[in-house]
Amino acid sequence: MPAQRGIALVLLVVVAGLVVGSLLGELLGALLPAGRVQDLITRGPTIGLTPPATLDLRFLSVTFGLALKVNLVGVIGIVIAALTLRRL
């Protein structure tokens, strides 16, 4: 019977895979010449609060914002992270 994993661990692994994969995608895209291959690797949707949301209470103003830029290599990073977590 596999060990029970908390949702926090699963989210941490998925986000780490996305961050590392996206970073590698941006670095790889910078090394490639401009064209369709570079666009395929570096472009992708931005998920999150854009523009950030601001809560103004007159005596306190708080701005909430989070955006994740997902690219092809980021998705591959998520898959690799999920497979790694599955084998642990």
PDB file of N, CA and C in Angstrom:
ATOM      1  N   MET A   1       0.843  -1.179   0.000  1.00  0.00           N
ATOM      2  CA  MET A   1       0.000   0.000   0.000  1.00  0.00           C
ATOM      3  C   MET A   1       0.886   1.239   0.000  1.00  0.00           C
ATOM      4  N   PRO A   2       0.699   2.148  -0.963  1.00  0.00           N
ATOM      5  CA  PRO A   2       1.548   3.322  -1.025  1.00  0.00           C
ATOM      6  C   PRO A   2       1.300   4.264   0.150  1.00  0.00           C
ATOM      7  N   ALA A   3       2.336   4.996   0.515  1.00  0.00           N
ATOM      8  CA  ALA A   3       2.222   5.948   1.614  1.00  0.00           C
ATOM      9  C   ALA A   3       1.291   7.093   1.223  1.00  0.00           C
ATOM     10  N   GLN A   4       0.527   7.575   2.186  1.00  0.00           N
ATOM     11  CA  GLN A   4      -0.371   8.697   1.938  1.00  0.00           C
ATOM     12  C   GLN A   4       0.441   9.982   1.813  1.00  0.00           C
ATOM     13  N   ARG A   5       0.182  10.718   0.744  1.00  0.00           N
ATOM     14  CA  ARG A   5       0.883  11.980   0.527  1.00  0.00           C
ATOM     15  C   ARG A   5      -0.089  13.118   0.767  1.00  0.00           C
ATOM     16  N   GLY A   6       0.409  14.138   1.415  1.00  0.00           N
ATOM     17  CA  GLY A   6      -0.427  15.305   1.643  1.00  0.00           C
ATOM     18  C   GLY A   6      -0.580  16.119   0.368  1.00  0.00           C
ATOM     19  N   ILE A   7      -1.666  16.853   0.303  1.00  0.00           N
ATOM     20  CA  ILE A   7      -1.918  17.692  -0.864  1.00  0.00           C
ATOM     21  C   ILE A   7      -0.847  18.764  -0.988  1.00  0.00           C
ATOM     22  N   ALA A   8      -0.294  19.189   0.140  1.00  0.00           N
ATOM     23  CA  ALA A   8       0.756  20.209   0.105  1.00  0.00           C
ATOM     24  C   ALA A   8       2.005  19.682  -0.599  1.00  0.00           C
ATOM     25  N   LEU A   9       2.360  18.429  -0.362  1.00  0.00           N
ATOM     26  CA  LEU A   9       3.525  17.846  -1.015  1.00  0.00           C
ATOM     27  C   LEU A   9       3.298  17.710  -2.515  1.00  0.00           C
ATOM     28  N   VAL A  10       2.120  17.282  -2.898  1.00  0.00           N
ATOM     29  CA  VAL A  10       1.808  17.136  -4.321  1.00  0.00           C
ATOM     30  C   VAL A  10       1.847  18.494  -5.011  1.00  0.00           C
ATOM     31  N   LEU A  11       1.239  19.508  -4.404  1.00  0.00           N
ATOM     32  CA  LEU A  11       1.276  20.857  -4.981  1.00  0.00           C
ATOM     33  C   LEU A  11       2.700  21.406  -5.053  1.00  0.00           C
ATOM     34  N   LEU A  12       3.479  21.141  -4.024  1.00  0.00           N
ATOM     35  CA  LEU A  12       4.866  21.605  -4.016  1.00  0.00           C
ATOM     36  C   LEU A  12       5.662  20.981  -5.156  1.00  0.00           C
ATOM     37  N   VAL A  13       5.498  19.705  -5.376  1.00  0.00           N
ATOM     38  CA  VAL A  13       6.220  19.011  -6.439  1.00  0.00           C
ATOM     39  C   VAL A  13       5.759  19.501  -7.811  1.00  0.00           C
ATOM     40  N   VAL A  14       4.460  19.693  -7.990  1.00  0.00           N
ATOM     41  CA  VAL A  14       3.949  20.165  -9.282  1.00  0.00           C
ATOM     42  C   VAL A  14       4.427  21.583  -9.563  1.00  0.00           C
ATOM     43  N   VAL A  15       4.355  22.462  -8.580  1.00  0.00           N
ATOM     44  CA  VAL A  15       4.814  23.844  -8.774  1.00  0.00           C
ATOM     45  C   VAL A  15       6.318  23.882  -9.004  1.00  0.00           C
ATOM     46  N   ALA A  16       7.076  23.059  -8.267  1.00  0.00           N
ATOM     47  CA  ALA A  16       8.522  23.007  -8.490  1.00  0.00           C
ATOM     48  C   ALA A  16       8.840  22.526  -9.900  1.00  0.00           C
ATOM     49  N   GLY A  17       8.113  21.533 -10.388  1.00  0.00           N
ATOM     50  CA  GLY A  17       8.315  21.061 -11.755  1.00  0.00           C
ATOM     51  C   GLY A  17       7.986  22.134 -12.772  1.00  0.00           C
ATOM     52  N   LEU A  18       6.934  22.897 -12.513  1.00  0.00           N
ATOM     53  CA  LEU A  18       6.550  23.990 -13.412  1.00  0.00           C
ATOM     54  C   LEU A  18       7.603  25.091 -13.416  1.00  0.00           C
ATOM     55  N   VAL A  19       8.088  25.462 -12.251  1.00  0.00           N
ATOM     56  CA  VAL A  19       9.079  26.536 -12.156  1.00  0.00           C
ATOM     57  C   VAL A  19      10.383  26.133 -12.829  1.00  0.00           C
ATOM     58  N   VAL A  20      10.877  24.954 -12.511  1.00  0.00           N
ATOM     59  CA  VAL A  20      12.142  24.503 -13.105  1.00  0.00           C
ATOM     60  C   VAL A  20      11.986  24.310 -14.613  1.00  0.00           C
ATOM     61  N   GLY A  21      10.886  23.722 -15.036  1.00  0.00           N
ATOM     62  CA  GLY A  21      10.657  23.521 -16.461  1.00  0.00           C
ATOM     63  C   GLY A  21      10.526  24.832 -17.220  1.00  0.00           C
ATOM     64  N   SER A  22       9.811  25.786 -16.653  1.00  0.00           N
ATOM     65  CA  SER A  22       9.663  27.085 -17.309  1.00  0.00           C
ATOM     66  C   SER A  22      10.993  27.818 -17.380  1.00  0.00           C
ATOM     67  N   LEU A  23      11.767  27.740 -16.323  1.00  0.00           N
ATOM     68  CA  LEU A  23      13.088  28.365 -16.331  1.00  0.00           C
ATOM     69  C   LEU A  23      13.975  27.742 -17.407  1.00  0.00           C
ATOM     70  N   LEU A  24      13.967  26.431 -17.490  1.00  0.00           N
ATOM     71  CA  LEU A  24      14.747  25.757 -18.534  1.00  0.00           C
ATOM     72  C   LEU A  24      14.236  26.111 -19.927  1.00  0.00           C
ATOM     73  N   GLY A  25      12.931  26.254 -20.074  1.00  0.00           N
ATOM     74  CA  GLY A  25      12.357  26.645 -21.358  1.00  0.00           C
ATOM     75  C   GLY A  25      12.792  28.040 -21.769  1.00  0.00           C
ATOM     76  N   GLU A  26      12.810  28.973 -20.818  1.00  0.00           N
ATOM     77  CA  GLU A  26      13.262  30.334 -21.128  1.00  0.00           C
ATOM     78  C   GLU A  26      14.746  30.347 -21.479  1.00  0.00           C
ATOM     79  N   LEU A  27      15.544  29.587 -20.746  1.00  0.00           N
ATOM     80  CA  LEU A  27      16.981  29.525 -21.047  1.00  0.00           C
ATOM     81  C   LEU A  27      17.229  28.882 -22.408  1.00  0.00           C
ATOM     82  N   LEU A  28      16.529  27.809 -22.692  1.00  0.00           N
ATOM     83  CA  LEU A  28      16.670  27.139 -23.978  1.00  0.00           C
ATOM     84  C   LEU A  28      16.189  28.043 -25.114  1.00  0.00           C
ATOM     85  N   GLY A  29      15.113  28.774 -24.873  1.00  0.00           N
ATOM     86  CA  GLY A  29      14.599  29.688 -25.880  1.00  0.00           C
ATOM     87  C   GLY A  29      15.565  30.826 -26.176  1.00  0.00           C
ATOM     88  N   ALA A  30      16.327  31.252 -25.174  1.00  0.00           N
ATOM     89  CA  ALA A  30      17.308  32.317 -25.385  1.00  0.00           C
ATOM     90  C   ALA A  30      18.477  31.829 -26.235  1.00  0.00           C
ATOM     91  N   LEU A  31      18.751  30.530 -26.204  1.00  0.00           N
ATOM     92  CA  LEU A  31      19.864  29.974 -26.968  1.00  0.00           C
ATOM     93  C   LEU A  31      19.487  29.694 -28.421  1.00  0.00           C
ATOM     94  N   LEU A  32      18.206  29.513 -28.691  1.00  0.00           N
ATOM     95  CA  LEU A  32      17.755  29.185 -30.044  1.00  0.00           C
ATOM     96  C   LEU A  32      17.592  30.445 -30.881  1.00  0.00           C
ATOM     97  N   PRO A  33      17.784  30.334 -32.179  1.00  0.00           N
ATOM     98  CA  PRO A  33      17.539  31.496 -33.035  1.00  0.00           C
ATOM     99  C   PRO A  33      16.030  31.781 -33.110  1.00  0.00           C
ATOM    100  N   ALA A  34      15.709  33.042 -33.391  1.00  0.00           N
ATOM    101  CA  ALA A  34      14.300  33.440 -33.470  1.00  0.00           C
ATOM    102  C   ALA A  34      13.596  32.655 -34.578  1.00  0.00           C
ATOM    103  N   GLY A  35      12.409  32.205 -34.279  1.00  0.00           N
ATOM    104  CA  GLY A  35      11.647  31.437 -35.258  1.00  0.00           C
ATOM    105  C   GLY A  35      10.539  30.658 -34.582  1.00  0.00           C
ATOM    106  N   ARG A  36       9.997  29.721 -35.316  1.00  0.00           N
ATOM    107  CA  ARG A  36       8.865  28.943 -34.808  1.00  0.00           C
ATOM    108  C   ARG A  36       9.236  28.038 -33.646  1.00  0.00           C
ATOM    109  N   VAL A  37      10.420  27.457 -33.679  1.00  0.00           N
ATOM    110  CA  VAL A  37      10.823  26.555 -32.588  1.00  0.00           C
ATOM    111  C   VAL A  37      10.968  27.341 -31.296  1.00  0.00           C
ATOM    112  N   GLN A  38      11.586  28.503 -31.366  1.00  0.00           N
ATOM    113  CA  GLN A  38      11.738  29.339 -30.175  1.00  0.00           C
ATOM    114  C   GLN A  38      10.365  29.765 -29.643  1.00  0.00           C
ATOM    115  N   ASP A  39       9.458  30.148 -30.533  1.00  0.00           N
ATOM    116  CA  ASP A  39       8.117  30.531 -30.112  1.00  0.00           C
ATOM    117  C   ASP A  39       7.385  29.365 -29.455  1.00  0.00           C
ATOM    118  N   LEU A  40       7.535  28.175 -29.991  1.00  0.00           N
ATOM    119  CA  LEU A  40       6.888  26.992 -29.433  1.00  0.00           C
ATOM    120  C   LEU A  40       7.374  26.714 -28.016  1.00  0.00           C
ATOM    121  N   ILE A  41       8.656  26.902 -27.793  1.00  0.00           N
ATOM    122  CA  ILE A  41       9.233  26.601 -26.485  1.00  0.00           C
ATOM    123  C   ILE A  41       8.961  27.697 -25.469  1.00  0.00           C
ATOM    124  N   THR A  42       9.030  28.960 -25.870  1.00  0.00           N
ATOM    125  CA  THR A  42       8.963  30.049 -24.896  1.00  0.00           C
ATOM    126  C   THR A  42       7.575  30.655 -24.704  1.00  0.00           C
ATOM    127  N   ARG A  43       6.687  30.546 -25.647  1.00  0.00           N
ATOM    128  CA  ARG A  43       5.371  31.161 -25.502  1.00  0.00           C
ATOM    129  C   ARG A  43       4.400  30.219 -24.813  1.00  0.00           C
ATOM    130  N   GLY A  44       3.492  30.832 -24.099  1.00  0.00           N
ATOM    131  CA  GLY A  44       2.459  30.059 -23.434  1.00  0.00           C
ATOM    132  C   GLY A  44       1.549  30.985 -22.662  1.00  0.00           C
ATOM    133  N   PRO A  45       0.480  30.441 -22.113  1.00  0.00           N
ATOM    134  CA  PRO A  45      -0.460  31.290 -21.382  1.00  0.00           C
ATOM    135  C   PRO A  45       0.086  31.725 -20.029  1.00  0.00           C
ATOM    136  N   THR A  46      -0.385  32.868 -19.571  1.00  0.00           N
ATOM    137  CA  THR A  46      -0.093  33.340 -18.229  1.00  0.00           C
ATOM    138  C   THR A  46      -1.346  33.131 -17.398  1.00  0.00           C
ATOM    139  N   ILE A  47      -1.205  32.365 -16.320  1.00  0.00           N
ATOM    140  CA  ILE A  47      -2.336  32.013 -15.472  1.00  0.00           C
ATOM    141  C   ILE A  47      -2.197  32.773 -14.159  1.00  0.00           C
ATOM    142  N   GLY A  48      -3.234  33.452 -13.752  1.00  0.00           N
ATOM    143  CA  GLY A  48      -3.179  34.147 -12.473  1.00  0.00           C
ATOM    144  C   GLY A  48      -3.963  35.437 -12.470  1.00  0.00           C
ATOM    145  N   LEU A  49      -3.651  36.283 -11.512  1.00  0.00           N
ATOM    146  CA  LEU A  49      -4.297  37.575 -11.379  1.00  0.00           C
ATOM    147  C   LEU A  49      -3.494  38.614 -12.150  1.00  0.00           C
ATOM    148  N   THR A  50      -3.948  38.946 -13.331  1.00  0.00           N
ATOM    149  CA  THR A  50      -3.299  39.994 -14.101  1.00  0.00           C
ATOM    150  C   THR A  50      -4.374  40.939 -14.596  1.00  0.00           C
ATOM    151  N   PRO A  51      -4.451  42.144 -14.194  1.00  0.00           N
ATOM    152  CA  PRO A  51      -3.611  42.857 -13.232  1.00  0.00           C
ATOM    153  C   PRO A  51      -3.922  42.418 -11.803  1.00  0.00           C
ATOM    154  N   PRO A  52      -3.006  42.718 -10.890  1.00  0.00           N
ATOM    155  CA  PRO A  52      -3.221  42.321  -9.487  1.00  0.00           C
ATOM    156  C   PRO A  52      -4.466  42.988  -8.901  1.00  0.00           C
ATOM    157  N   ALA A  53      -5.074  42.323  -7.939  1.00  0.00           N
ATOM    158  CA  ALA A  53      -6.256  42.855  -7.249  1.00  0.00           C
ATOM    159  C   ALA A  53      -5.804  43.638  -6.019  1.00  0.00           C
ATOM    160  N   THR A  54      -6.410  44.795  -5.798  1.00  0.00           N
ATOM    161  CA  THR A  54      -6.049  45.637  -4.655  1.00  0.00           C
ATOM    162  C   THR A  54      -7.252  45.771  -3.732  1.00  0.00           C
ATOM    163  N   LEU A  55      -7.013  45.545  -2.452  1.00  0.00           N
ATOM    164  CA  LEU A  55      -8.024  45.742  -1.418  1.00  0.00           C
ATOM    165  C   LEU A  55      -7.642  46.994  -0.642  1.00  0.00           C
ATOM    166  N   ASP A  56      -8.463  48.037  -0.743  1.00  0.00           N
ATOM    167  CA  ASP A  56      -8.174  49.313  -0.096  1.00  0.00           C
ATOM    168  C   ASP A  56      -9.172  49.519   1.037  1.00  0.00           C
ATOM    169  N   LEU A  57      -8.684  49.523   2.267  1.00  0.00           N
ATOM    170  CA  LEU A  57      -9.529  49.712   3.443  1.00  0.00           C
ATOM    171  C   LEU A  57      -9.353  51.105   4.048  1.00  0.00           C
ATOM    172  N   ARG A  58      -8.825  52.023   3.300  1.00  0.00           N
ATOM    173  CA  ARG A  58      -8.536  53.405   3.674  1.00  0.00           C
ATOM    174  C   ARG A  58      -7.353  53.525   4.630  1.00  0.00           C
ATOM    175  N   PHE A  59      -7.248  52.686   5.624  1.00  0.00           N
ATOM    176  CA  PHE A  59      -6.105  52.731   6.526  1.00  0.00           C
ATOM    177  C   PHE A  59      -5.054  51.688   6.160  1.00  0.00           C
ATOM    178  N   LEU A  60      -5.414  50.770   5.264  1.00  0.00           N
ATOM    179  CA  LEU A  60      -4.520  49.704   4.837  1.00  0.00           C
ATOM    180  C   LEU A  60      -4.866  49.335   3.402  1.00  0.00           C
ATOM    181  N   SER A  61      -3.850  49.220   2.601  1.00  0.00           N
ATOM    182  CA  SER A  61      -4.048  48.818   1.212  1.00  0.00           C
ATOM    183  C   SER A  61      -3.205  47.577   0.960  1.00  0.00           C
ATOM    184  N   VAL A  62      -3.850  46.528   0.498  1.00  0.00           N
ATOM    185  CA  VAL A  62      -3.167  45.266   0.247  1.00  0.00           C
ATOM    186  C   VAL A  62      -3.371  44.893  -1.222  1.00  0.00           C
ATOM    187  N   THR A  63      -2.288  44.500  -1.882  1.00  0.00           N
ATOM    188  CA  THR A  63      -2.353  44.089  -3.280  1.00  0.00           C
ATOM    189  C   THR A  63      -2.066  42.601  -3.377  1.00  0.00           C
ATOM    190  N   PHE A  64      -2.951  41.871  -4.025  1.00  0.00           N
ATOM    191  CA  PHE A  64      -2.807  40.438  -4.222  1.00  0.00           C
ATOM    192  C   PHE A  64      -2.471  40.183  -5.684  1.00  0.00           C
ATOM    193  N   GLY A  65      -1.463  39.396  -5.910  1.00  0.00           N
ATOM    194  CA  GLY A  65      -1.117  39.069  -7.278  1.00  0.00           C
ATOM    195  C   GLY A  65      -0.291  37.801  -7.355  1.00  0.00           C
ATOM    196  N   LEU A  66      -0.600  36.993  -8.331  1.00  0.00           N
ATOM    197  CA  LEU A  66       0.149  35.772  -8.584  1.00  0.00           C
ATOM    198  C   LEU A  66      -0.064  35.428 -10.045  1.00  0.00           C
ATOM    199  N   ALA A  67       1.026  35.199 -10.742  1.00  0.00           N
ATOM    200  CA  ALA A  67       0.911  34.840 -12.159  1.00  0.00           C
ATOM    201  C   ALA A  67       1.948  33.771 -12.474  1.00  0.00           C
ATOM    202  N   LEU A  68       1.528  32.756 -13.158  1.00  0.00           N
ATOM    203  CA  LEU A  68       2.418  31.698 -13.610  1.00  0.00           C
ATOM    204  C   LEU A  68       2.427  31.690 -15.131  1.00  0.00           C
ATOM    205  N   LYS A  69       3.605  31.771 -15.705  1.00  0.00           N
ATOM    206  CA  LYS A  69       3.724  31.697 -17.154  1.00  0.00           C
ATOM    207  C   LYS A  69       4.089  30.261 -17.498  1.00  0.00           C
ATOM    208  N   VAL A  70       3.217  29.606 -18.202  1.00  0.00           N
ATOM    209  CA  VAL A  70       3.403  28.197 -18.531  1.00  0.00           C
ATOM    210  C   VAL A  70       3.877  28.100 -19.979  1.00  0.00           C
ATOM    211  N   ASN A  71       4.955  27.335 -20.191  1.00  0.00           N
ATOM    212  CA  ASN A  71       5.408  27.072 -21.558  1.00  0.00           C
ATOM    213  C   ASN A  71       5.515  25.561 -21.754  1.00  0.00           C
ATOM    214  N   LEU A  72       5.902  25.148 -22.935  1.00  0.00           N
ATOM    215  CA  LEU A  72       5.950  23.722 -23.264  1.00  0.00           C
ATOM    216  C   LEU A  72       6.898  22.954 -22.349  1.00  0.00           C
ATOM    217  N   VAL A  73       8.074  23.507 -22.111  1.00  0.00           N
ATOM    218  CA  VAL A  73       9.040  22.812 -21.258  1.00  0.00           C
ATOM    219  C   VAL A  73       8.548  22.801 -19.808  1.00  0.00           C
ATOM    220  N   GLY A  74       7.767  23.812 -19.399  1.00  0.00           N
ATOM    221  CA  GLY A  74       7.173  23.813 -18.069  1.00  0.00           C
ATOM    222  C   GLY A  74       6.196  22.667 -17.886  1.00  0.00           C
ATOM    223  N   VAL A  75       5.404  22.397 -18.911  1.00  0.00           N
ATOM    224  CA  VAL A  75       4.469  21.265 -18.851  1.00  0.00           C
ATOM    225  C   VAL A  75       5.234  19.948 -18.786  1.00  0.00           C
ATOM    226  N   ILE A  76       6.306  19.844 -19.544  1.00  0.00           N
ATOM    227  CA  ILE A  76       7.154  18.643 -19.475  1.00  0.00           C
ATOM    228  C   ILE A  76       7.754  18.507 -18.081  1.00  0.00           C
ATOM    229  N   GLY A  77       8.136  19.631 -17.465  1.00  0.00           N
ATOM    230  CA  GLY A  77       8.645  19.614 -16.091  1.00  0.00           C
ATOM    231  C   GLY A  77       7.612  19.119 -15.101  1.00  0.00           C
ATOM    232  N   ILE A  78       6.360  19.502 -15.288  1.00  0.00           N
ATOM    233  CA  ILE A  78       5.289  19.016 -14.414  1.00  0.00           C
ATOM    234  C   ILE A  78       5.131  17.512 -14.553  1.00  0.00           C
ATOM    235  N   VAL A  79       5.161  17.023 -15.776  1.00  0.00           N
ATOM    236  CA  VAL A  79       5.013  15.580 -16.010  1.00  0.00           C
ATOM    237  C   VAL A  79       6.166  14.816 -15.369  1.00  0.00           C
ATOM    238  N   ILE A  80       7.384  15.298 -15.539  1.00  0.00           N
ATOM    239  CA  ILE A  80       8.549  14.634 -14.938  1.00  0.00           C
ATOM    240  C   ILE A  80       8.454  14.668 -13.411  1.00  0.00           C
ATOM    241  N   ALA A  81       8.028  15.800 -12.851  1.00  0.00           N
ATOM    242  CA  ALA A  81       7.881  15.898 -11.396  1.00  0.00           C
ATOM    243  C   ALA A  81       6.809  14.941 -10.889  1.00  0.00           C
ATOM    244  N   ALA A  82       5.694  14.837 -11.614  1.00  0.00           N
ATOM    245  CA  ALA A  82       4.630  13.921 -11.200  1.00  0.00           C
ATOM    246  C   ALA A  82       5.088  12.470 -11.277  1.00  0.00           C
ATOM    247  N   LEU A  83       5.826  12.121 -12.322  1.00  0.00           N
ATOM    248  CA  LEU A  83       6.339  10.743 -12.415  1.00  0.00           C
ATOM    249  C   LEU A  83       7.355  10.464 -11.321  1.00  0.00           C
ATOM    250  N   THR A  84       8.166  11.445 -10.982  1.00  0.00           N
ATOM    251  CA  THR A  84       9.128  11.277  -9.896  1.00  0.00           C
ATOM    252  C   THR A  84       8.415  11.080  -8.565  1.00  0.00           C
ATOM    253  N   LEU A  85       7.373  11.894  -8.320  1.00  0.00           N
ATOM    254  CA  LEU A  85       6.608  11.755  -7.081  1.00  0.00           C
ATOM    255  C   LEU A  85       5.923  10.391  -7.023  1.00  0.00           C
ATOM    256  N   ARG A  86       5.456   9.915  -8.142  1.00  0.00           N
ATOM    257  CA  ARG A  86       4.785   8.611  -8.174  1.00  0.00           C
ATOM    258  C   ARG A  86       5.726   7.468  -7.807  1.00  0.00           C
ATOM    259  N   ARG A  87       6.999   7.606  -8.202  1.00  0.00           N
ATOM    260  CA  ARG A  87       7.972   6.536  -7.908  1.00  0.00           C
ATOM    261  C   ARG A  87       8.497   6.579  -6.483  1.00  0.00           C
ATOM    262  N   LEU A  88       8.327   7.718  -5.800  1.00  0.00           N
ATOM    263  CA  LEU A  88       8.821   7.835  -4.416  1.00  0.00           C
ATOM    264  C   LEU A  88       7.983   7.040  -3.459  1.00  0.00           C
TER     265      LEU A  88
END
